[in-house]
Amino acid sequence: MDTVPTVDPAMDAQPPALVVHAHPEPDSFASSQTRAAVEELRRSGHSVRVLDLYADGWNPVLDRGEFPPFEGPFKPQAEQMRAVREGTLSAEVRAHLDAVLSAELLVLSFPLWWFSMPAILKGWIDRVFVMGAAFGGEFGLFDRAALRGRRAMVLITTGGPEEAFAAGGAFGALDQFLFHVHRGMLEFVGYEPLPPVVTYAPARMSEAEREASLSAVRDAFAGIGVSAARL
């Protein structure tokens, strides 16, 4: 998934971006559009790190085995806060958390499955948006959370056509399905969500239509511009 950056040396450096990709097939359209987005971000001067969760064999399960032994019932967020305080986060989680904290733009790339994200990506959120480091503890929620002043967006594909996701369509407005991601995950830890980049029903497209859709993805990511200001 990761490629060598192509950057115009005359272009001002842009803030770093983190792309978290969740599709099990590297030759899928979702994977192709992620590569297009990464290439465009790099061409625009952003340094980009890509986390390909399926390729990396990411474990999505948050359980007590993630933490040093303790007595009593397992309360995940309490153990996350303890791990932050005592410096005992697992090396895997710490590395991904550091990647999040070092990026000004987060892109979540995934196919819309059951009107939501694949379980592996939800599990990444569970494990990496650590209480006490991304929100809570010395931080608050929303505009007081640790990732305030940064931006995030979703890059997705759907199985159904665009008209099915319109208000009054067969499935209903896409914004309804993305609310729990935008509000309950991204805004919750401080991000400002940008408009989603969506390719509708790529499996039903001709090759020419897929190429046009990839071009639209590149256009969406060209010069995206990310504010580094802290609120």
C-alpha atoms as a PDB file:
ATOM      1  CA  MET A   1       0.000   0.000   0.000  1.00  0.00           C
ATOM      2  CA  ASP A   2       2.743   2.490   0.934  1.00  0.00           C
ATOM      3  CA  THR A   3       4.614   4.051  -1.964  1.00  0.00           C
ATOM      4  CA  VAL A   4       7.609   6.337  -2.389  1.00  0.00           C
ATOM      5  CA  PRO A   5       6.481   9.959  -2.043  1.00  0.00           C
ATOM      6  CA  THR A   6       6.531  12.252  -5.059  1.00  0.00           C
ATOM      7  CA  VAL A   7       6.830  15.821  -3.832  1.00  0.00           C
ATOM      8  CA  ASP A   8       7.569  19.035  -5.655  1.00  0.00           C
ATOM      9  CA  PRO A   9      10.655  20.338  -3.769  1.00  0.00           C
ATOM     10  CA  ALA A  10       9.554  23.905  -4.482  1.00  0.00           C
ATOM     11  CA  MET A  11       6.264  23.383  -2.692  1.00  0.00           C
ATOM     12  CA  ASP A  12       5.926  24.412   0.923  1.00  0.00           C
ATOM     13  CA  ALA A  13       5.810  21.426   3.251  1.00  0.00           C
ATOM     14  CA  GLN A  14       2.289  20.526   4.314  1.00  0.00           C
ATOM     15  CA  PRO A  15       1.280  19.072   7.685  1.00  0.00           C
ATOM     16  CA  PRO A  16       1.726  15.300   8.128  1.00  0.00           C
ATOM     17  CA  ALA A  17      -1.133  12.923   7.395  1.00  0.00           C
ATOM     18  CA  LEU A  18      -2.015   9.446   8.614  1.00  0.00           C
ATOM     19  CA  VAL A  19      -4.073   7.124   6.412  1.00  0.00           C
ATOM     20  CA  VAL A  20      -5.621   4.087   8.095  1.00  0.00           C
ATOM     21  CA  HIS A  21      -6.830   1.618   5.477  1.00  0.00           C
ATOM     22  CA  ALA A  22      -9.176  -1.298   6.119  1.00  0.00           C
ATOM     23  CA  HIS A  23      -9.887  -3.557   3.151  1.00  0.00           C
ATOM     24  CA  PRO A  24      -8.779  -7.201   2.929  1.00  0.00           C
ATOM     25  CA  GLU A  25      -8.159  -7.126  -0.846  1.00  0.00           C
ATOM     26  CA  PRO A  26      -5.180  -5.097  -2.096  1.00  0.00           C
ATOM     27  CA  ASP A  27      -6.596  -5.101  -5.644  1.00  0.00           C
ATOM     28  CA  SER A  28     -10.002  -3.757  -4.576  1.00  0.00           C
ATOM     29  CA  PHE A  29     -11.211  -0.380  -5.776  1.00  0.00           C
ATOM     30  CA  ALA A  30     -11.143   0.793  -2.149  1.00  0.00           C
ATOM     31  CA  SER A  31      -7.431   0.000  -2.033  1.00  0.00           C
ATOM     32  CA  SER A  32      -6.860   1.677  -5.405  1.00  0.00           C
ATOM     33  CA  GLN A  33      -8.564   4.875  -4.301  1.00  0.00           C
ATOM     34  CA  THR A  34      -6.533   4.872  -1.106  1.00  0.00           C
ATOM     35  CA  ARG A  35      -3.343   4.689  -3.137  1.00  0.00           C
ATOM     36  CA  ALA A  36      -4.623   7.549  -5.292  1.00  0.00           C
ATOM     37  CA  ALA A  37      -5.338   9.649  -2.199  1.00  0.00           C
ATOM     38  CA  VAL A  38      -1.909   8.928  -0.703  1.00  0.00           C
ATOM     39  CA  GLU A  39      -0.148   9.777  -3.955  1.00  0.00           C
ATOM     40  CA  GLU A  40      -2.040  13.068  -4.234  1.00  0.00           C
ATOM     41  CA  LEU A  41      -1.337  14.033  -0.626  1.00  0.00           C
ATOM     42  CA  ARG A  42       2.363  13.394  -1.169  1.00  0.00           C
ATOM     43  CA  ARG A  43       2.334  15.261  -4.454  1.00  0.00           C
ATOM     44  CA  SER A  44       0.850  18.204  -2.574  1.00  0.00           C
ATOM     45  CA  GLY A  45       3.728  18.178  -0.101  1.00  0.00           C
ATOM     46  CA  HIS A  46       2.321  16.197   2.827  1.00  0.00           C
ATOM     47  CA  SER A  47       4.353  13.530   4.533  1.00  0.00           C
ATOM     48  CA  VAL A  48       2.057  10.517   4.724  1.00  0.00           C
ATOM     49  CA  ARG A  49       2.130   7.381   6.818  1.00  0.00           C
ATOM     50  CA  VAL A  50      -0.144   4.496   5.828  1.00  0.00           C
ATOM     51  CA  LEU A  51      -1.405   1.849   8.238  1.00  0.00           C
ATOM     52  CA  ASP A  52      -2.879  -1.058   6.258  1.00  0.00           C
ATOM     53  CA  LEU A  53      -4.710  -2.951   8.986  1.00  0.00           C
ATOM     54  CA  TYR A  54      -5.402  -6.195   7.116  1.00  0.00           C
ATOM     55  CA  ALA A  55      -1.940  -6.373   5.570  1.00  0.00           C
ATOM     56  CA  ASP A  56      -0.391  -5.721   8.981  1.00  0.00           C
ATOM     57  CA  GLY A  57      -2.517  -8.372  10.704  1.00  0.00           C
ATOM     58  CA  TRP A  58      -3.933  -5.852  13.176  1.00  0.00           C
ATOM     59  CA  ASN A  59      -5.670  -7.442  16.165  1.00  0.00           C
ATOM     60  CA  PRO A  60      -8.964  -5.546  16.653  1.00  0.00           C
ATOM     61  CA  VAL A  61      -9.866  -7.077  20.007  1.00  0.00           C
ATOM     62  CA  LEU A  62      -9.585  -4.929  23.111  1.00  0.00           C
ATOM     63  CA  ASP A  63      -9.415  -7.277  26.101  1.00  0.00           C
ATOM     64  CA  ARG A  64      -7.628  -7.619  29.427  1.00  0.00           C
ATOM     65  CA  GLY A  65      -4.679  -9.389  27.819  1.00  0.00           C
ATOM     66  CA  GLU A  66      -3.648  -6.019  26.410  1.00  0.00           C
ATOM     67  CA  PHE A  67      -2.677  -4.809  29.871  1.00  0.00           C
ATOM     68  CA  PRO A  68      -0.385  -5.954  32.679  1.00  0.00           C
ATOM     69  CA  PRO A  69      -2.068  -8.394  35.096  1.00  0.00           C
ATOM     70  CA  PHE A  70      -4.551  -6.813  37.485  1.00  0.00           C
ATOM     71  CA  GLU A  71      -7.168  -7.900  39.979  1.00  0.00           C
ATOM     72  CA  GLY A  72     -10.892  -7.310  39.690  1.00  0.00           C
ATOM     73  CA  PRO A  73     -13.279  -6.750  36.806  1.00  0.00           C
ATOM     74  CA  PHE A  74     -12.030  -5.536  33.437  1.00  0.00           C
ATOM     75  CA  LYS A  75     -12.968  -1.907  32.771  1.00  0.00           C
ATOM     76  CA  PRO A  76     -11.249  -1.081  29.463  1.00  0.00           C
ATOM     77  CA  GLN A  77     -11.088   2.693  29.756  1.00  0.00           C
ATOM     78  CA  ALA A  78      -9.881   2.557  33.350  1.00  0.00           C
ATOM     79  CA  GLU A  79      -7.083   0.206  32.286  1.00  0.00           C
ATOM     80  CA  GLN A  80      -6.204   2.464  29.366  1.00  0.00           C
ATOM     81  CA  MET A  81      -5.856   5.407  31.711  1.00  0.00           C
ATOM     82  CA  ARG A  82      -3.750   3.358  34.095  1.00  0.00           C
ATOM     83  CA  ALA A  83      -1.527   2.222  31.215  1.00  0.00           C
ATOM     84  CA  VAL A  84      -1.036   5.816  30.049  1.00  0.00           C
ATOM     85  CA  ARG A  85      -0.242   6.927  33.592  1.00  0.00           C
ATOM     86  CA  GLU A  86       2.184   4.067  34.252  1.00  0.00           C
ATOM     87  CA  GLY A  87       3.700   3.866  30.781  1.00  0.00           C
ATOM     88  CA  THR A  88       2.513   0.303  30.167  1.00  0.00           C
ATOM     89  CA  LEU A  89       0.600   0.624  26.898  1.00  0.00           C
ATOM     90  CA  SER A  90       1.484  -2.230  24.572  1.00  0.00           C
ATOM     91  CA  ALA A  91       4.207  -1.418  22.044  1.00  0.00           C
ATOM     92  CA  GLU A  92       1.745  -1.954  19.181  1.00  0.00           C
ATOM     93  CA  VAL A  93      -0.859   0.434  20.565  1.00  0.00           C
ATOM     94  CA  ARG A  94       1.776   2.976  21.590  1.00  0.00           C
ATOM     95  CA  ALA A  95       3.209   3.019  18.055  1.00  0.00           C
ATOM     96  CA  HIS A  96      -0.200   3.567  16.465  1.00  0.00           C
ATOM     97  CA  LEU A  97      -1.171   6.161  19.054  1.00  0.00           C
ATOM     98  CA  ASP A  98       2.070   8.036  18.393  1.00  0.00           C
ATOM     99  CA  ALA A  99       1.252   7.964  14.663  1.00  0.00           C
ATOM    100  CA  VAL A 100      -2.146   9.517  15.422  1.00  0.00           C
ATOM    101  CA  LEU A 101      -0.659  12.172  17.694  1.00  0.00           C
ATOM    102  CA  SER A 102       1.992  13.136  15.133  1.00  0.00           C
ATOM    103  CA  ALA A 103      -0.495  13.665  12.254  1.00  0.00           C
ATOM    104  CA  GLU A 104      -2.524  16.794  11.536  1.00  0.00           C
ATOM    105  CA  LEU A 105      -4.849  14.942   9.148  1.00  0.00           C
ATOM    106  CA  LEU A 106      -6.366  11.502   9.722  1.00  0.00           C
ATOM    107  CA  VAL A 107      -7.959   9.627   6.819  1.00  0.00           C
ATOM    108  CA  LEU A 108     -10.021   6.522   7.563  1.00  0.00           C
ATOM    109  CA  SER A 109     -10.316   4.427   4.404  1.00  0.00           C
ATOM    110  CA  PHE A 110     -12.858   1.615   4.295  1.00  0.00           C
ATOM    111  CA  PRO A 111     -15.749   0.003   2.421  1.00  0.00           C
ATOM    112  CA  LEU A 112     -19.171   0.660   3.907  1.00  0.00           C
ATOM    113  CA  TRP A 113     -20.142  -2.727   5.391  1.00  0.00           C
ATOM    114  CA  TRP A 114     -23.513  -3.049   7.087  1.00  0.00           C
ATOM    115  CA  PHE A 115     -23.775   0.754   6.917  1.00  0.00           C
ATOM    116  CA  SER A 116     -20.637   1.065   9.056  1.00  0.00           C
ATOM    117  CA  MET A 117     -16.919   0.344   9.039  1.00  0.00           C
ATOM    118  CA  PRO A 118     -15.300  -3.129   9.013  1.00  0.00           C
ATOM    119  CA  ALA A 119     -14.776  -4.622  12.475  1.00  0.00           C
ATOM    120  CA  ILE A 120     -10.995  -4.418  12.129  1.00  0.00           C
ATOM    121  CA  LEU A 121     -11.184  -0.618  11.852  1.00  0.00           C
ATOM    122  CA  LYS A 122     -13.677  -0.284  14.700  1.00  0.00           C
ATOM    123  CA  GLY A 123     -11.261  -2.374  16.770  1.00  0.00           C
ATOM    124  CA  TRP A 124      -8.446  -0.016  15.802  1.00  0.00           C
ATOM    125  CA  ILE A 125     -10.520   2.858  17.182  1.00  0.00           C
ATOM    126  CA  ASP A 126     -11.237   0.843  20.350  1.00  0.00           C
ATOM    127  CA  ARG A 127      -7.562   0.183  20.998  1.00  0.00           C
ATOM    128  CA  VAL A 128      -5.846   3.335  19.696  1.00  0.00           C
ATOM    129  CA  PHE A 129      -8.181   6.161  20.702  1.00  0.00           C
ATOM    130  CA  VAL A 130      -6.917   5.618  24.207  1.00  0.00           C
ATOM    131  CA  MET A 131      -8.679   7.230  27.137  1.00  0.00           C
ATOM    132  CA  GLY A 132      -6.178   9.439  28.924  1.00  0.00           C
ATOM    133  CA  ALA A 133      -4.238  10.099  25.713  1.00  0.00           C
ATOM    134  CA  ALA A 134      -6.784  10.925  22.984  1.00  0.00           C
ATOM    135  CA  PHE A 135      -9.563  12.080  25.310  1.00  0.00           C
ATOM    136  CA  GLY A 136     -10.494  12.005  28.974  1.00  0.00           C
ATOM    137  CA  GLY A 137      -8.102  12.146  31.889  1.00  0.00           C
ATOM    138  CA  GLU A 138      -6.374  15.514  31.705  1.00  0.00           C
ATOM    139  CA  PHE A 139      -8.276  16.108  28.461  1.00  0.00           C
ATOM    140  CA  GLY A 140     -11.971  16.574  27.947  1.00  0.00           C
ATOM    141  CA  LEU A 141     -14.282  15.606  25.122  1.00  0.00           C
ATOM    142  CA  PHE A 142     -14.992  17.190  21.756  1.00  0.00           C
ATOM    143  CA  ASP A 143     -13.385  20.671  21.618  1.00  0.00           C
ATOM    144  CA  ARG A 144     -11.367  19.937  24.765  1.00  0.00           C
ATOM    145  CA  ALA A 145     -10.077  16.540  23.649  1.00  0.00           C
ATOM    146  CA  ALA A 146      -6.438  15.864  22.798  1.00  0.00           C
ATOM    147  CA  LEU A 147      -6.875  15.955  19.004  1.00  0.00           C
ATOM    148  CA  ARG A 148      -8.581  19.332  18.841  1.00  0.00           C
ATOM    149  CA  GLY A 149      -7.360  21.562  16.053  1.00  0.00           C
ATOM    150  CA  ARG A 150      -6.784  18.613  13.720  1.00  0.00           C
ATOM    151  CA  ARG A 151      -8.890  17.372  10.845  1.00  0.00           C
ATOM    152  CA  ALA A 152     -10.137  13.969   9.798  1.00  0.00           C
ATOM    153  CA  MET A 153     -12.107  12.503   6.937  1.00  0.00           C
ATOM    154  CA  VAL A 154     -13.479   9.228   5.694  1.00  0.00           C
ATOM    155  CA  LEU A 155     -12.669   7.794   2.270  1.00  0.00           C
ATOM    156  CA  ILE A 156     -15.205   5.092   1.465  1.00  0.00           C
ATOM    157  CA  THR A 157     -16.801   2.885  -1.147  1.00  0.00           C
ATOM    158  CA  THR A 158     -20.345   1.590  -1.152  1.00  0.00           C
ATOM    159  CA  GLY A 159     -22.077  -1.407  -2.641  1.00  0.00           C
ATOM    160  CA  GLY A 160     -25.247   0.524  -3.492  1.00  0.00           C
ATOM    161  CA  PRO A 161     -25.639   3.333  -6.036  1.00  0.00           C
ATOM    162  CA  GLU A 162     -25.637   7.003  -5.096  1.00  0.00           C
ATOM    163  CA  GLU A 163     -29.396   7.397  -5.413  1.00  0.00           C
ATOM    164  CA  ALA A 164     -29.916   4.685  -2.790  1.00  0.00           C
ATOM    165  CA  PHE A 165     -28.059   6.852  -0.250  1.00  0.00           C
ATOM    166  CA  ALA A 166     -30.009  10.027  -0.940  1.00  0.00           C
ATOM    167  CA  ALA A 167     -32.672  11.310   1.429  1.00  0.00           C
ATOM    168  CA  GLY A 168     -35.715   9.198   0.661  1.00  0.00           C
ATOM    169  CA  GLY A 169     -33.592   6.608  -1.147  1.00  0.00           C
ATOM    170  CA  ALA A 170     -33.717   2.870  -0.539  1.00  0.00           C
ATOM    171  CA  PHE A 171     -31.117   3.063   2.253  1.00  0.00           C
ATOM    172  CA  GLY A 172     -31.495   6.626   3.449  1.00  0.00           C
ATOM    173  CA  ALA A 173     -29.097   9.551   3.552  1.00  0.00           C
ATOM    174  CA  LEU A 174     -25.437   8.582   3.833  1.00  0.00           C
ATOM    175  CA  ASP A 175     -24.895  11.221   6.515  1.00  0.00           C
ATOM    176  CA  GLN A 176     -27.131   9.192   8.808  1.00  0.00           C
ATOM    177  CA  PHE A 177     -24.802   6.209   8.573  1.00  0.00           C
ATOM    178  CA  LEU A 178     -21.686   8.318   9.048  1.00  0.00           C
ATOM    179  CA  PHE A 179     -22.987  10.253  12.058  1.00  0.00           C
ATOM    180  CA  HIS A 180     -21.601   7.733  14.564  1.00  0.00           C
ATOM    181  CA  VAL A 181     -18.200   8.007  12.877  1.00  0.00           C
ATOM    182  CA  HIS A 182     -18.144  11.784  12.521  1.00  0.00           C
ATOM    183  CA  ARG A 183     -19.691  12.666  15.884  1.00  0.00           C
ATOM    184  CA  GLY A 184     -19.113   9.607  18.025  1.00  0.00           C
ATOM    185  CA  MET A 185     -15.503   8.892  17.029  1.00  0.00           C
ATOM    186  CA  LEU A 186     -13.837  11.835  15.270  1.00  0.00           C
ATOM    187  CA  GLU A 187     -15.433  14.872  16.911  1.00  0.00           C
ATOM    188  CA  PHE A 188     -15.467  13.022  20.237  1.00  0.00           C
ATOM    189  CA  VAL A 189     -11.653  13.089  20.375  1.00  0.00           C
ATOM    190  CA  GLY A 190     -11.384  16.607  18.963  1.00  0.00           C
ATOM    191  CA  TYR A 191     -11.134  16.251  15.192  1.00  0.00           C
ATOM    192  CA  GLU A 192     -12.933  18.507  12.775  1.00  0.00           C
ATOM    193  CA  PRO A 193     -14.504  16.119  10.237  1.00  0.00           C
ATOM    194  CA  LEU A 194     -14.075  17.116   6.612  1.00  0.00           C
ATOM    195  CA  PRO A 195     -16.688  16.145   4.002  1.00  0.00           C
ATOM    196  CA  PRO A 196     -16.422  12.442   3.150  1.00  0.00           C
ATOM    197  CA  VAL A 197     -14.961  11.286  -0.156  1.00  0.00           C
ATOM    198  CA  VAL A 198     -17.262   8.577  -1.500  1.00  0.00           C
ATOM    199  CA  THR A 199     -17.222   6.309  -4.537  1.00  0.00           C
ATOM    200  CA  TYR A 200     -20.635   4.760  -5.001  1.00  0.00           C
ATOM    201  CA  ALA A 201     -20.934   1.186  -6.324  1.00  0.00           C
ATOM    202  CA  PRO A 202     -17.525   0.854  -8.034  1.00  0.00           C
ATOM    203  CA  ALA A 203     -18.260  -2.842  -8.691  1.00  0.00           C
ATOM    204  CA  ARG A 204     -20.966  -1.727 -11.113  1.00  0.00           C
ATOM    205  CA  MET A 205     -18.733   0.694 -13.002  1.00  0.00           C
ATOM    206  CA  SER A 206     -16.968   0.314 -16.310  1.00  0.00           C
ATOM    207  CA  GLU A 207     -13.196   0.608 -16.379  1.00  0.00           C
ATOM    208  CA  ALA A 208     -13.525   4.137 -17.748  1.00  0.00           C
ATOM    209  CA  GLU A 209     -15.905   5.071 -14.943  1.00  0.00           C
ATOM    210  CA  ARG A 210     -13.533   3.685 -12.330  1.00  0.00           C
ATOM    211  CA  GLU A 211     -10.681   5.726 -13.781  1.00  0.00           C
ATOM    212  CA  ALA A 212     -12.869   8.825 -13.674  1.00  0.00           C
ATOM    213  CA  SER A 213     -13.725   8.073 -10.041  1.00  0.00           C
ATOM    214  CA  LEU A 214     -10.053   7.727  -9.132  1.00  0.00           C
ATOM    215  CA  SER A 215      -9.427  11.075 -10.788  1.00  0.00           C
ATOM    216  CA  ALA A 216     -12.205  12.566  -8.641  1.00  0.00           C
ATOM    217  CA  VAL A 217     -10.531  11.142  -5.533  1.00  0.00           C
ATOM    218  CA  ARG A 218      -7.249  12.761  -6.531  1.00  0.00           C
ATOM    219  CA  ASP A 219      -9.022  16.071  -7.075  1.00  0.00           C
ATOM    220  CA  ALA A 220     -10.615  15.824  -3.623  1.00  0.00           C
ATOM    221  CA  PHE A 221      -7.228  15.364  -1.974  1.00  0.00           C
ATOM    222  CA  ALA A 222      -5.308  17.884  -4.070  1.00  0.00           C
ATOM    223  CA  GLY A 223      -4.232  20.818  -1.950  1.00  0.00           C
ATOM    224  CA  ILE A 224      -6.505  19.716   0.862  1.00  0.00           C
ATOM    225  CA  GLY A 225      -4.738  22.077   3.254  1.00  0.00           C
ATOM    226  CA  VAL A 226      -4.717  21.195   6.927  1.00  0.00           C
ATOM    227  CA  SER A 227      -4.633  23.769   9.686  1.00  0.00           C
ATOM    228  CA  ALA A 228      -1.955  23.150  12.283  1.00  0.00           C
ATOM    229  CA  ALA A 229      -3.597  25.572  14.701  1.00  0.00           C
ATOM    230  CA  ARG A 230      -4.386  24.334  18.188  1.00  0.00           C
ATOM    231  CA  LEU A 231      -7.636  25.473  19.758  1.00  0.00           C
END
